[in-house]
Amino acid sequence: MQIIKTFTIVTTLLLLPFLTLKAQTSHLLDYIVLNSGDTLYGKVKHVNQRKVPPRYYKKIRFTNTKGKRKKYKRADVAAFNVNNTNYEGFWLSQSSRGMTLINPQYDIDPKNGERYFLRVISKGKLSHYYLEWWEQGEAGSSWMDLFRKEKDQFFIRATQGLFGLKRKTLAKYFANCPSLQEKIKKKQIRKVSQVVDYYNKNCVD
């Protein structure tokens, strides 16, 4: 019995550096998560930087650790990570309101929506995402801040550009948390990050 224990300990000590190296290597790599649930590590490209302005590839490009390349339809990808930045896929629709940047709500609609990958800023009872795009002549991306409560099947736009928080929209959205609602109305909370932090610490779904 003692021999078995000694062998197990020695084997674990010998393998530990390799397991640690593998974990560290995986952490440094991009990855792609397929709808099947499989997670593949390697290099992910989803934006064509050669175009002016840059634009999203119709298919997400993946190169595995052996250098083998493959393209995946956006509809077949659930999420991916590029340079330690997470993106989650959603079918978003504004069919009842028209697809414009001033609309406050984006419905999750797999039947009629268009595939978007939202940049994950923070996750919690209230999650914060960026919907990104490129303006003509601009090399850097623009974005809008979106909120989503855990059980909601839609996103709410949090800001109105340079004018700050969409206070009327958010006050209505946070009717389930009167204290946050009041702070938004009285401009005691002015930043997106403050809204997220307050809701996740003080509000009950």
N, C-alpha and C. Protein backbone atom coordinates (compact mmCIF):
# COMPACT_ATOMS: atom_id res chain seq x y z
N MET A 1 0.84 -1.21 0.00
CA MET A 1 0.00 0.00 0.00
C MET A 1 0.87 1.26 0.00
N GLN A 2 1.95 1.18 0.83
CA GLN A 2 2.86 2.31 0.92
C GLN A 2 3.56 2.56 -0.41
N ILE A 3 3.88 1.45 -1.10
CA ILE A 3 4.55 1.57 -2.41
C ILE A 3 3.64 2.28 -3.40
N ILE A 4 2.33 1.93 -3.38
CA ILE A 4 1.36 2.56 -4.30
C ILE A 4 1.25 4.04 -4.01
N LYS A 5 1.19 4.41 -2.73
CA LYS A 5 1.09 5.83 -2.35
C LYS A 5 2.32 6.59 -2.81
N THR A 6 3.50 5.97 -2.61
CA THR A 6 4.75 6.62 -3.01
C THR A 6 4.81 6.81 -4.52
N PHE A 7 4.38 5.78 -5.26
CA PHE A 7 4.36 5.86 -6.73
C PHE A 7 3.42 6.97 -7.19
N THR A 8 2.26 7.08 -6.55
CA THR A 8 1.27 8.11 -6.91
C THR A 8 1.82 9.50 -6.69
N ILE A 9 2.49 9.69 -5.55
CA ILE A 9 3.05 10.99 -5.21
C ILE A 9 4.15 11.38 -6.21
N VAL A 10 5.04 10.41 -6.49
CA VAL A 10 6.13 10.67 -7.43
C VAL A 10 5.60 11.00 -8.82
N THR A 11 4.60 10.22 -9.27
CA THR A 11 4.00 10.45 -10.59
C THR A 11 3.38 11.84 -10.67
N THR A 12 2.67 12.24 -9.60
CA THR A 12 2.03 13.56 -9.57
C THR A 12 3.06 14.67 -9.65
N LEU A 13 4.17 14.50 -8.89
CA LEU A 13 5.23 15.52 -8.89
C LEU A 13 5.89 15.63 -10.26
N LEU A 14 6.05 14.49 -10.93
CA LEU A 14 6.67 14.50 -12.25
C LEU A 14 5.78 15.15 -13.30
N LEU A 15 4.47 14.90 -13.18
CA LEU A 15 3.52 15.43 -14.17
C LEU A 15 3.14 16.87 -13.90
N LEU A 16 3.28 17.34 -12.68
CA LEU A 16 2.81 18.67 -12.30
C LEU A 16 3.37 19.78 -13.20
N PRO A 17 4.69 19.81 -13.49
CA PRO A 17 5.20 20.88 -14.38
C PRO A 17 4.54 20.87 -15.75
N PHE A 18 4.27 19.67 -16.29
CA PHE A 18 3.66 19.57 -17.62
C PHE A 18 2.21 20.02 -17.59
N LEU A 19 1.49 19.64 -16.52
CA LEU A 19 0.09 20.06 -16.38
C LEU A 19 0.00 21.56 -16.21
N THR A 20 0.92 22.12 -15.41
CA THR A 20 0.94 23.57 -15.19
C THR A 20 1.25 24.30 -16.48
N LEU A 21 2.24 23.77 -17.25
CA LEU A 21 2.61 24.39 -18.53
C LEU A 21 1.45 24.36 -19.49
N LYS A 22 0.73 23.23 -19.54
CA LYS A 22 -0.42 23.11 -20.43
C LYS A 22 -1.50 24.10 -20.05
N ALA A 23 -1.76 24.25 -18.75
CA ALA A 23 -2.78 25.20 -18.29
C ALA A 23 -2.38 26.62 -18.64
N GLN A 24 -1.08 26.95 -18.44
CA GLN A 24 -0.62 28.30 -18.75
C GLN A 24 -0.69 28.57 -20.25
N THR A 25 -0.33 27.55 -21.05
CA THR A 25 -0.37 27.70 -22.51
C THR A 25 -1.80 27.92 -22.99
N SER A 26 -2.75 27.14 -22.46
CA SER A 26 -4.15 27.30 -22.84
C SER A 26 -4.66 28.68 -22.48
N HIS A 27 -4.19 29.20 -21.32
CA HIS A 27 -4.63 30.52 -20.88
C HIS A 27 -4.16 31.61 -21.83
N LEU A 28 -2.98 31.40 -22.45
CA LEU A 28 -2.41 32.42 -23.35
C LEU A 28 -3.00 32.36 -24.75
N LEU A 29 -3.65 31.24 -25.10
CA LEU A 29 -4.18 31.06 -26.44
C LEU A 29 -5.58 31.64 -26.58
N ASP A 30 -5.91 32.05 -27.83
CA ASP A 30 -7.31 32.33 -28.15
C ASP A 30 -8.07 31.01 -28.11
N TYR A 31 -9.39 31.12 -28.08
CA TYR A 31 -10.18 29.89 -28.20
C TYR A 31 -11.53 30.20 -28.82
N ILE A 32 -12.14 29.16 -29.33
CA ILE A 32 -13.45 29.28 -29.95
C ILE A 32 -14.35 28.19 -29.35
N VAL A 33 -15.58 28.55 -29.02
CA VAL A 33 -16.54 27.61 -28.46
C VAL A 33 -17.64 27.37 -29.49
N LEU A 34 -17.77 26.14 -29.93
CA LEU A 34 -18.77 25.79 -30.94
C LEU A 34 -20.12 25.53 -30.28
N ASN A 35 -21.17 25.56 -31.08
CA ASN A 35 -22.51 25.27 -30.56
C ASN A 35 -22.60 23.87 -29.96
N SER A 36 -21.73 22.98 -30.41
CA SER A 36 -21.70 21.62 -29.89
C SER A 36 -21.17 21.56 -28.47
N GLY A 37 -20.55 22.66 -28.02
CA GLY A 37 -19.96 22.71 -26.70
C GLY A 37 -18.46 22.49 -26.70
N ASP A 38 -17.89 22.10 -27.85
CA ASP A 38 -16.45 21.89 -27.95
C ASP A 38 -15.70 23.22 -27.88
N THR A 39 -14.60 23.24 -27.13
CA THR A 39 -13.74 24.41 -27.04
C THR A 39 -12.41 24.09 -27.71
N LEU A 40 -12.02 24.91 -28.71
CA LEU A 40 -10.81 24.68 -29.48
C LEU A 40 -9.83 25.82 -29.22
N TYR A 41 -8.58 25.47 -28.90
CA TYR A 41 -7.56 26.47 -28.59
C TYR A 41 -6.64 26.68 -29.79
N GLY A 42 -6.26 27.94 -29.99
CA GLY A 42 -5.37 28.27 -31.10
C GLY A 42 -5.35 29.78 -31.32
N LYS A 43 -5.58 30.20 -32.56
CA LYS A 43 -5.61 31.61 -32.92
C LYS A 43 -6.92 31.92 -33.62
N VAL A 44 -7.63 32.94 -33.16
CA VAL A 44 -8.93 33.32 -33.72
C VAL A 44 -8.84 34.69 -34.38
N LYS A 45 -9.43 34.80 -35.58
CA LYS A 45 -9.54 36.09 -36.26
C LYS A 45 -11.00 36.28 -36.67
N HIS A 46 -11.58 37.41 -36.29
CA HIS A 46 -12.97 37.68 -36.65
C HIS A 46 -13.15 39.03 -37.33
N VAL A 47 -12.06 39.79 -37.43
CA VAL A 47 -12.12 41.12 -38.05
C VAL A 47 -11.09 41.20 -39.16
N ASN A 48 -11.50 41.68 -40.33
CA ASN A 48 -10.60 41.90 -41.45
C ASN A 48 -10.00 43.30 -41.32
N GLN A 49 -8.78 43.37 -40.79
CA GLN A 49 -8.13 44.66 -40.55
C GLN A 49 -7.56 45.28 -41.82
N ARG A 50 -7.57 44.54 -42.93
CA ARG A 50 -7.03 45.08 -44.18
C ARG A 50 -8.01 46.03 -44.86
N LYS A 51 -9.28 45.92 -44.49
CA LYS A 51 -10.30 46.79 -45.07
C LYS A 51 -10.32 48.14 -44.36
N VAL A 52 -10.77 49.18 -45.06
CA VAL A 52 -10.92 50.51 -44.48
C VAL A 52 -12.35 50.99 -44.71
N PRO A 53 -13.17 51.07 -43.64
CA PRO A 53 -12.82 50.67 -42.27
C PRO A 53 -12.79 49.14 -42.14
N PRO A 54 -12.23 48.63 -41.03
CA PRO A 54 -12.25 47.18 -40.82
C PRO A 54 -13.67 46.65 -40.82
N ARG A 55 -13.82 45.38 -41.12
CA ARG A 55 -15.15 44.76 -41.11
C ARG A 55 -15.05 43.33 -40.62
N TYR A 56 -16.19 42.81 -40.16
CA TYR A 56 -16.20 41.43 -39.65
C TYR A 56 -16.11 40.44 -40.80
N TYR A 57 -15.36 39.38 -40.61
CA TYR A 57 -15.35 38.28 -41.56
C TYR A 57 -16.71 37.60 -41.56
N LYS A 58 -17.14 37.14 -42.72
CA LYS A 58 -18.40 36.39 -42.78
C LYS A 58 -18.26 35.06 -42.05
N LYS A 59 -17.03 34.50 -42.05
CA LYS A 59 -16.74 33.29 -41.30
C LYS A 59 -15.58 33.56 -40.37
N ILE A 60 -15.67 33.04 -39.16
CA ILE A 60 -14.60 33.24 -38.18
C ILE A 60 -13.45 32.30 -38.50
N ARG A 61 -12.24 32.82 -38.52
CA ARG A 61 -11.07 32.07 -38.93
C ARG A 61 -10.33 31.54 -37.70
N PHE A 62 -10.03 30.26 -37.74
CA PHE A 62 -9.38 29.61 -36.60
C PHE A 62 -8.18 28.80 -37.07
N THR A 63 -7.06 28.97 -36.37
CA THR A 63 -5.86 28.19 -36.62
C THR A 63 -5.51 27.44 -35.34
N ASN A 64 -5.46 26.12 -35.41
CA ASN A 64 -5.19 25.36 -34.19
C ASN A 64 -3.70 25.35 -33.85
N THR A 65 -3.34 24.68 -32.77
CA THR A 65 -1.96 24.71 -32.28
C THR A 65 -0.98 24.00 -33.22
N LYS A 66 -1.51 23.22 -34.17
CA LYS A 66 -0.66 22.54 -35.14
C LYS A 66 -0.56 23.30 -36.46
N GLY A 67 -1.20 24.48 -36.50
CA GLY A 67 -1.13 25.30 -37.70
C GLY A 67 -2.22 25.02 -38.72
N LYS A 68 -3.13 24.10 -38.41
CA LYS A 68 -4.22 23.78 -39.34
C LYS A 68 -5.30 24.86 -39.26
N ARG A 69 -5.73 25.35 -40.42
CA ARG A 69 -6.69 26.44 -40.48
C ARG A 69 -8.09 25.95 -40.86
N LYS A 70 -9.08 26.61 -40.32
CA LYS A 70 -10.46 26.27 -40.64
C LYS A 70 -11.33 27.51 -40.43
N LYS A 71 -12.37 27.62 -41.25
CA LYS A 71 -13.32 28.71 -41.13
C LYS A 71 -14.64 28.18 -40.59
N TYR A 72 -15.24 28.92 -39.66
CA TYR A 72 -16.50 28.51 -39.06
C TYR A 72 -17.58 29.56 -39.34
N LYS A 73 -18.74 29.09 -39.76
CA LYS A 73 -19.87 29.99 -39.93
C LYS A 73 -20.19 30.65 -38.59
N ARG A 74 -20.54 31.93 -38.64
CA ARG A 74 -20.85 32.64 -37.40
C ARG A 74 -22.01 31.96 -36.66
N ALA A 75 -22.92 31.37 -37.41
CA ALA A 75 -24.07 30.71 -36.80
C ALA A 75 -23.67 29.45 -36.04
N ASP A 76 -22.48 28.90 -36.33
CA ASP A 76 -22.04 27.66 -35.68
C ASP A 76 -21.19 27.92 -34.45
N VAL A 77 -20.94 29.20 -34.14
CA VAL A 77 -20.06 29.57 -33.03
C VAL A 77 -20.88 30.18 -31.90
N ALA A 78 -20.67 29.68 -30.68
CA ALA A 78 -21.38 30.20 -29.51
C ALA A 78 -20.64 31.37 -28.87
N ALA A 79 -19.31 31.28 -28.86
CA ALA A 79 -18.49 32.32 -28.23
C ALA A 79 -17.04 32.14 -28.68
N PHE A 80 -16.23 33.17 -28.43
CA PHE A 80 -14.81 33.04 -28.69
C PHE A 80 -14.05 34.06 -27.86
N ASN A 81 -12.73 33.84 -27.77
CA ASN A 81 -11.85 34.73 -27.02
C ASN A 81 -10.70 35.13 -27.93
N VAL A 82 -10.44 36.42 -28.03
CA VAL A 82 -9.34 36.95 -28.82
C VAL A 82 -8.52 37.89 -27.94
N ASN A 83 -7.24 37.59 -27.76
CA ASN A 83 -6.36 38.43 -26.95
C ASN A 83 -6.96 38.70 -25.57
N ASN A 84 -7.47 37.62 -24.94
CA ASN A 84 -8.06 37.69 -23.60
C ASN A 84 -9.31 38.56 -23.54
N THR A 85 -9.96 38.76 -24.67
CA THR A 85 -11.23 39.47 -24.71
C THR A 85 -12.31 38.50 -25.14
N ASN A 86 -13.36 38.37 -24.32
CA ASN A 86 -14.43 37.41 -24.59
C ASN A 86 -15.55 38.02 -25.41
N TYR A 87 -16.08 37.22 -26.33
CA TYR A 87 -17.24 37.60 -27.13
C TYR A 87 -18.28 36.48 -27.04
N GLU A 88 -19.54 36.85 -26.88
CA GLU A 88 -20.63 35.88 -26.85
C GLU A 88 -21.58 36.15 -28.01
N GLY A 89 -22.08 35.09 -28.64
CA GLY A 89 -22.95 35.23 -29.80
C GLY A 89 -24.42 35.28 -29.42
N PHE A 90 -25.15 36.19 -30.06
CA PHE A 90 -26.59 36.33 -29.85
C PHE A 90 -27.26 36.64 -31.19
N TRP A 91 -28.49 36.15 -31.36
CA TRP A 91 -29.32 36.52 -32.49
C TRP A 91 -30.16 37.72 -32.05
N LEU A 92 -29.85 38.91 -32.58
CA LEU A 92 -30.50 40.13 -32.14
C LEU A 92 -31.43 40.68 -33.22
N SER A 93 -32.57 41.17 -32.76
CA SER A 93 -33.57 41.70 -33.69
C SER A 93 -34.14 43.00 -33.16
N GLN A 94 -34.41 43.91 -34.09
CA GLN A 94 -35.15 45.14 -33.78
C GLN A 94 -36.28 45.29 -34.80
N SER A 95 -36.79 44.19 -35.28
CA SER A 95 -37.73 44.20 -36.39
C SER A 95 -38.95 45.09 -36.14
N SER A 96 -39.37 45.17 -34.89
CA SER A 96 -40.57 45.96 -34.60
C SER A 96 -40.27 47.45 -34.49
N ARG A 97 -38.98 47.80 -34.43
CA ARG A 97 -38.62 49.20 -34.23
C ARG A 97 -37.71 49.74 -35.32
N GLY A 98 -37.23 48.86 -36.20
CA GLY A 98 -36.27 49.30 -37.21
C GLY A 98 -34.86 49.26 -36.65
N MET A 99 -33.90 48.86 -37.44
CA MET A 99 -32.52 48.69 -36.97
C MET A 99 -31.78 50.01 -37.00
N THR A 100 -31.88 50.77 -35.93
CA THR A 100 -31.18 52.05 -35.83
C THR A 100 -30.47 52.12 -34.48
N LEU A 101 -29.48 53.00 -34.39
CA LEU A 101 -28.68 53.11 -33.18
C LEU A 101 -29.39 53.80 -32.03
N ILE A 102 -30.55 54.45 -32.30
CA ILE A 102 -31.22 55.17 -31.22
C ILE A 102 -32.21 54.29 -30.48
N ASN A 103 -32.50 53.10 -30.99
CA ASN A 103 -33.45 52.23 -30.32
C ASN A 103 -32.88 51.73 -29.00
N PRO A 104 -33.72 51.68 -27.96
CA PRO A 104 -33.21 51.29 -26.64
C PRO A 104 -33.14 49.79 -26.40
N GLN A 105 -33.87 48.98 -27.21
CA GLN A 105 -33.97 47.56 -26.89
C GLN A 105 -33.58 46.68 -28.07
N TYR A 106 -32.84 45.62 -27.76
CA TYR A 106 -32.42 44.63 -28.75
C TYR A 106 -32.91 43.27 -28.27
N ASP A 107 -33.84 42.67 -29.00
CA ASP A 107 -34.42 41.40 -28.60
C ASP A 107 -33.54 40.23 -29.02
N ILE A 108 -33.47 39.20 -28.17
CA ILE A 108 -32.80 37.95 -28.53
C ILE A 108 -33.82 37.11 -29.28
N ASP A 109 -33.59 36.97 -30.58
CA ASP A 109 -34.60 36.37 -31.46
C ASP A 109 -33.93 35.43 -32.46
N PRO A 110 -33.74 34.15 -32.08
CA PRO A 110 -33.06 33.19 -32.96
C PRO A 110 -33.74 32.97 -34.31
N LYS A 111 -35.05 33.20 -34.39
CA LYS A 111 -35.77 32.95 -35.64
C LYS A 111 -35.62 34.09 -36.63
N ASN A 112 -35.66 35.32 -36.15
CA ASN A 112 -35.65 36.47 -37.05
C ASN A 112 -34.44 37.39 -36.87
N GLY A 113 -33.60 37.10 -35.89
CA GLY A 113 -32.49 38.00 -35.60
C GLY A 113 -31.29 37.82 -36.50
N GLU A 114 -30.36 38.75 -36.37
CA GLU A 114 -29.08 38.70 -37.08
C GLU A 114 -27.99 38.33 -36.07
N ARG A 115 -26.98 37.57 -36.50
CA ARG A 115 -25.95 37.09 -35.58
C ARG A 115 -24.97 38.20 -35.24
N TYR A 116 -24.84 38.47 -33.94
CA TYR A 116 -23.88 39.44 -33.43
C TYR A 116 -23.03 38.78 -32.36
N PHE A 117 -21.77 39.19 -32.29
CA PHE A 117 -20.91 38.76 -31.19
C PHE A 117 -20.62 39.98 -30.33
N LEU A 118 -21.13 39.95 -29.11
CA LEU A 118 -21.00 41.08 -28.20
C LEU A 118 -19.78 40.90 -27.32
N ARG A 119 -19.05 41.97 -27.15
CA ARG A 119 -17.87 41.94 -26.28
C ARG A 119 -18.31 41.94 -24.82
N VAL A 120 -17.82 40.98 -24.06
CA VAL A 120 -18.21 40.85 -22.65
C VAL A 120 -17.34 41.78 -21.80
N ILE A 121 -17.99 42.71 -21.11
CA ILE A 121 -17.27 43.61 -20.21
C ILE A 121 -17.33 43.08 -18.78
N SER A 122 -18.50 42.64 -18.34
CA SER A 122 -18.64 42.02 -17.02
C SER A 122 -19.90 41.17 -17.00
N LYS A 123 -19.87 40.12 -16.17
CA LYS A 123 -21.00 39.21 -16.05
C LYS A 123 -21.49 39.19 -14.60
N GLY A 124 -22.81 39.09 -14.43
CA GLY A 124 -23.39 39.03 -13.09
C GLY A 124 -24.90 39.02 -13.20
N LYS A 125 -25.59 39.36 -12.11
CA LYS A 125 -27.04 39.49 -12.16
C LYS A 125 -27.42 40.50 -13.24
N LEU A 126 -26.59 41.54 -13.36
CA LEU A 126 -26.69 42.50 -14.46
C LEU A 126 -25.37 42.41 -15.22
N SER A 127 -25.43 42.05 -16.49
CA SER A 127 -24.21 41.92 -17.30
C SER A 127 -24.08 43.12 -18.24
N HIS A 128 -22.84 43.44 -18.57
CA HIS A 128 -22.50 44.61 -19.39
C HIS A 128 -21.74 44.14 -20.63
N TYR A 129 -22.22 44.56 -21.80
CA TYR A 129 -21.62 44.18 -23.08
C TYR A 129 -21.38 45.41 -23.94
N TYR A 130 -20.49 45.27 -24.92
CA TYR A 130 -20.34 46.25 -25.99
C TYR A 130 -20.87 45.65 -27.29
N LEU A 131 -21.65 46.43 -28.02
CA LEU A 131 -21.98 46.13 -29.41
C LEU A 131 -21.07 47.02 -30.25
N GLU A 132 -20.13 46.41 -30.98
CA GLU A 132 -19.08 47.17 -31.66
C GLU A 132 -19.34 47.28 -33.16
N TRP A 133 -18.83 48.35 -33.76
CA TRP A 133 -18.88 48.54 -35.21
C TRP A 133 -17.81 49.55 -35.60
N TRP A 134 -17.61 49.75 -36.92
CA TRP A 134 -16.61 50.68 -37.42
C TRP A 134 -17.29 51.76 -38.27
N GLU A 135 -16.89 53.00 -38.03
CA GLU A 135 -17.38 54.13 -38.83
C GLU A 135 -16.50 54.27 -40.07
N GLN A 136 -17.07 54.81 -41.12
CA GLN A 136 -16.32 55.04 -42.36
C GLN A 136 -15.12 55.94 -42.09
N GLY A 137 -13.93 55.49 -42.51
CA GLY A 137 -12.74 56.30 -42.34
C GLY A 137 -12.07 56.16 -40.99
N GLU A 138 -12.65 55.36 -40.08
CA GLU A 138 -12.08 55.19 -38.75
C GLU A 138 -11.40 53.83 -38.63
N ALA A 139 -10.18 53.82 -38.08
CA ALA A 139 -9.46 52.56 -37.89
C ALA A 139 -9.90 51.85 -36.61
N GLY A 140 -10.27 52.65 -35.58
CA GLY A 140 -10.71 52.08 -34.31
C GLY A 140 -12.20 51.83 -34.31
N SER A 141 -12.64 50.94 -33.45
CA SER A 141 -14.06 50.60 -33.38
C SER A 141 -14.84 51.58 -32.51
N SER A 142 -16.12 51.70 -32.80
CA SER A 142 -17.05 52.42 -31.94
C SER A 142 -17.92 51.36 -31.26
N TRP A 143 -18.62 51.76 -30.22
CA TRP A 143 -19.46 50.78 -29.53
C TRP A 143 -20.58 51.46 -28.77
N MET A 144 -21.58 50.67 -28.42
CA MET A 144 -22.61 51.11 -27.51
C MET A 144 -22.64 50.15 -26.33
N ASP A 145 -23.00 50.67 -25.16
CA ASP A 145 -23.09 49.87 -23.95
C ASP A 145 -24.46 49.23 -23.86
N LEU A 146 -24.49 47.92 -23.62
CA LEU A 146 -25.74 47.20 -23.47
C LEU A 146 -25.79 46.51 -22.12
N PHE A 147 -26.98 46.52 -21.50
CA PHE A 147 -27.22 45.81 -20.24
C PHE A 147 -28.14 44.63 -20.50
N ARG A 148 -27.96 43.59 -19.69
CA ARG A 148 -28.90 42.48 -19.72
C ARG A 148 -28.98 41.83 -18.34
N LYS A 149 -30.19 41.73 -17.80
CA LYS A 149 -30.40 40.98 -16.57
C LYS A 149 -30.39 39.49 -16.91
N GLU A 150 -30.07 38.66 -15.93
CA GLU A 150 -29.84 37.23 -16.16
C GLU A 150 -30.95 36.53 -16.94
N LYS A 151 -32.21 36.79 -16.60
CA LYS A 151 -33.31 36.04 -17.19
C LYS A 151 -33.96 36.75 -18.38
N ASP A 152 -33.50 37.94 -18.70
CA ASP A 152 -34.11 38.71 -19.79
C ASP A 152 -33.76 38.13 -21.16
N GLN A 153 -34.69 38.20 -22.08
CA GLN A 153 -34.46 37.79 -23.46
C GLN A 153 -34.28 39.01 -24.36
N PHE A 154 -33.68 40.04 -23.80
CA PHE A 154 -33.39 41.26 -24.56
C PHE A 154 -32.28 42.04 -23.86
N PHE A 155 -31.69 42.98 -24.60
CA PHE A 155 -30.68 43.89 -24.07
C PHE A 155 -31.26 45.30 -24.07
N ILE A 156 -30.80 46.11 -23.14
CA ILE A 156 -31.17 47.52 -23.08
C ILE A 156 -29.93 48.36 -23.35
N ARG A 157 -30.09 49.36 -24.20
CA ARG A 157 -28.98 50.27 -24.43
C ARG A 157 -28.82 51.17 -23.20
N ALA A 158 -27.59 51.28 -22.68
CA ALA A 158 -27.36 51.98 -21.42
C ALA A 158 -27.05 53.46 -21.58
N THR A 159 -26.45 53.84 -22.71
CA THR A 159 -26.02 55.22 -22.89
C THR A 159 -26.53 55.80 -24.21
N GLN A 160 -26.42 57.10 -24.31
CA GLN A 160 -26.79 57.79 -25.55
C GLN A 160 -25.59 58.61 -26.04
N GLY A 161 -24.49 57.90 -26.26
CA GLY A 161 -23.28 58.55 -26.76
C GLY A 161 -22.68 59.52 -25.76
N LEU A 162 -22.34 60.71 -26.24
CA LEU A 162 -21.70 61.72 -25.40
C LEU A 162 -22.62 62.28 -24.33
N PHE A 163 -23.91 61.98 -24.43
CA PHE A 163 -24.88 62.54 -23.48
C PHE A 163 -25.04 61.69 -22.23
N GLY A 164 -24.29 60.62 -22.12
CA GLY A 164 -24.30 59.84 -20.90
C GLY A 164 -25.41 58.81 -20.84
N LEU A 165 -25.81 58.45 -19.64
CA LEU A 165 -26.80 57.40 -19.43
C LEU A 165 -28.15 57.75 -20.03
N LYS A 166 -28.84 56.73 -20.56
CA LYS A 166 -30.22 56.91 -21.02
C LYS A 166 -31.10 56.79 -19.77
N ARG A 167 -31.25 57.88 -19.06
CA ARG A 167 -31.84 57.86 -17.72
C ARG A 167 -33.30 57.41 -17.71
N LYS A 168 -34.09 57.88 -18.63
CA LYS A 168 -35.50 57.49 -18.66
C LYS A 168 -35.65 56.00 -18.95
N THR A 169 -34.87 55.52 -19.91
CA THR A 169 -34.90 54.10 -20.26
C THR A 169 -34.46 53.24 -19.08
N LEU A 170 -33.35 53.64 -18.44
CA LEU A 170 -32.81 52.84 -17.34
C LEU A 170 -33.70 52.91 -16.10
N ALA A 171 -34.29 54.06 -15.84
CA ALA A 171 -35.19 54.18 -14.68
C ALA A 171 -36.37 53.21 -14.82
N LYS A 172 -36.86 53.08 -16.03
CA LYS A 172 -37.95 52.13 -16.29
C LYS A 172 -37.46 50.70 -16.18
N TYR A 173 -36.28 50.44 -16.71
CA TYR A 173 -35.72 49.09 -16.72
C TYR A 173 -35.44 48.58 -15.31
N PHE A 174 -35.03 49.48 -14.43
CA PHE A 174 -34.69 49.08 -13.07
C PHE A 174 -35.81 49.36 -12.07
N ALA A 175 -37.04 49.21 -12.54
CA ALA A 175 -38.20 49.40 -11.67
C ALA A 175 -38.20 48.38 -10.53
N ASN A 176 -37.52 47.25 -10.72
CA ASN A 176 -37.44 46.22 -9.68
C ASN A 176 -36.45 46.58 -8.57
N CYS A 177 -35.74 47.69 -8.75
CA CYS A 177 -34.77 48.14 -7.75
C CYS A 177 -34.94 49.64 -7.52
N PRO A 178 -35.93 50.03 -6.71
CA PRO A 178 -36.26 51.45 -6.51
C PRO A 178 -35.09 52.32 -6.08
N SER A 179 -34.17 51.79 -5.27
CA SER A 179 -33.05 52.61 -4.80
C SER A 179 -32.13 52.99 -5.97
N LEU A 180 -31.88 52.06 -6.88
CA LEU A 180 -31.07 52.35 -8.07
C LEU A 180 -31.84 53.29 -9.00
N GLN A 181 -33.10 53.04 -9.15
CA GLN A 181 -33.96 53.88 -9.98
C GLN A 181 -33.89 55.34 -9.53
N GLU A 182 -33.93 55.54 -8.23
CA GLU A 182 -33.90 56.90 -7.67
C GLU A 182 -32.53 57.55 -7.90
N LYS A 183 -31.47 56.79 -7.72
CA LYS A 183 -30.13 57.34 -7.91
C LYS A 183 -29.88 57.74 -9.37
N ILE A 184 -30.45 56.97 -10.29
CA ILE A 184 -30.33 57.30 -11.71
C ILE A 184 -31.10 58.59 -12.02
N LYS A 185 -32.31 58.69 -11.50
CA LYS A 185 -33.14 59.88 -11.75
C LYS A 185 -32.49 61.14 -11.18
N LYS A 186 -31.88 61.03 -10.01
CA LYS A 186 -31.29 62.19 -9.34
C LYS A 186 -29.84 62.43 -9.77
N LYS A 187 -29.35 61.65 -10.73
CA LYS A 187 -28.00 61.77 -11.27
C LYS A 187 -26.93 61.56 -10.21
N GLN A 188 -27.26 60.74 -9.21
CA GLN A 188 -26.27 60.36 -8.21
C GLN A 188 -25.36 59.26 -8.75
N ILE A 189 -25.83 58.59 -9.78
CA ILE A 189 -25.03 57.62 -10.52
C ILE A 189 -24.92 58.11 -11.95
N ARG A 190 -23.69 58.23 -12.45
CA ARG A 190 -23.47 58.84 -13.75
C ARG A 190 -22.77 57.93 -14.76
N LYS A 191 -22.17 56.84 -14.27
CA LYS A 191 -21.38 55.98 -15.14
C LYS A 191 -22.00 54.59 -15.27
N VAL A 192 -21.74 53.96 -16.42
CA VAL A 192 -22.23 52.60 -16.67
C VAL A 192 -21.71 51.65 -15.61
N SER A 193 -20.42 51.76 -15.30
CA SER A 193 -19.80 50.85 -14.32
C SER A 193 -20.45 51.00 -12.94
N GLN A 194 -20.89 52.21 -12.60
CA GLN A 194 -21.55 52.43 -11.31
C GLN A 194 -22.92 51.76 -11.27
N VAL A 195 -23.62 51.79 -12.39
CA VAL A 195 -24.93 51.13 -12.47
C VAL A 195 -24.75 49.62 -12.26
N VAL A 196 -23.80 49.04 -12.98
CA VAL A 196 -23.56 47.60 -12.89
C VAL A 196 -23.17 47.20 -11.47
N ASP A 197 -22.24 47.94 -10.89
CA ASP A 197 -21.75 47.63 -9.55
C ASP A 197 -22.87 47.74 -8.52
N TYR A 198 -23.68 48.78 -8.60
CA TYR A 198 -24.75 48.97 -7.62
C TYR A 198 -25.79 47.88 -7.74
N TYR A 199 -26.19 47.58 -8.96
CA TYR A 199 -27.24 46.55 -9.16
C TYR A 199 -26.77 45.20 -8.63
N ASN A 200 -25.57 44.81 -8.97
CA ASN A 200 -25.09 43.49 -8.58
C ASN A 200 -24.85 43.35 -7.07
N LYS A 201 -24.65 44.48 -6.39
CA LYS A 201 -24.42 44.44 -4.95
C LYS A 201 -25.68 44.68 -4.11
N ASN A 202 -26.64 45.41 -4.68
CA ASN A 202 -27.75 45.89 -3.84
C ASN A 202 -29.15 45.50 -4.32
N CYS A 203 -29.28 45.01 -5.54
CA CYS A 203 -30.62 44.75 -6.08
C CYS A 203 -30.90 43.24 -6.15
N VAL A 204 -32.16 42.90 -6.01
CA VAL A 204 -32.59 41.51 -6.06
C VAL A 204 -33.44 41.30 -7.31
N ASP A 205 -33.13 40.25 -8.06
CA ASP A 205 -33.89 39.96 -9.28
C ASP A 205 -35.34 39.60 -8.95
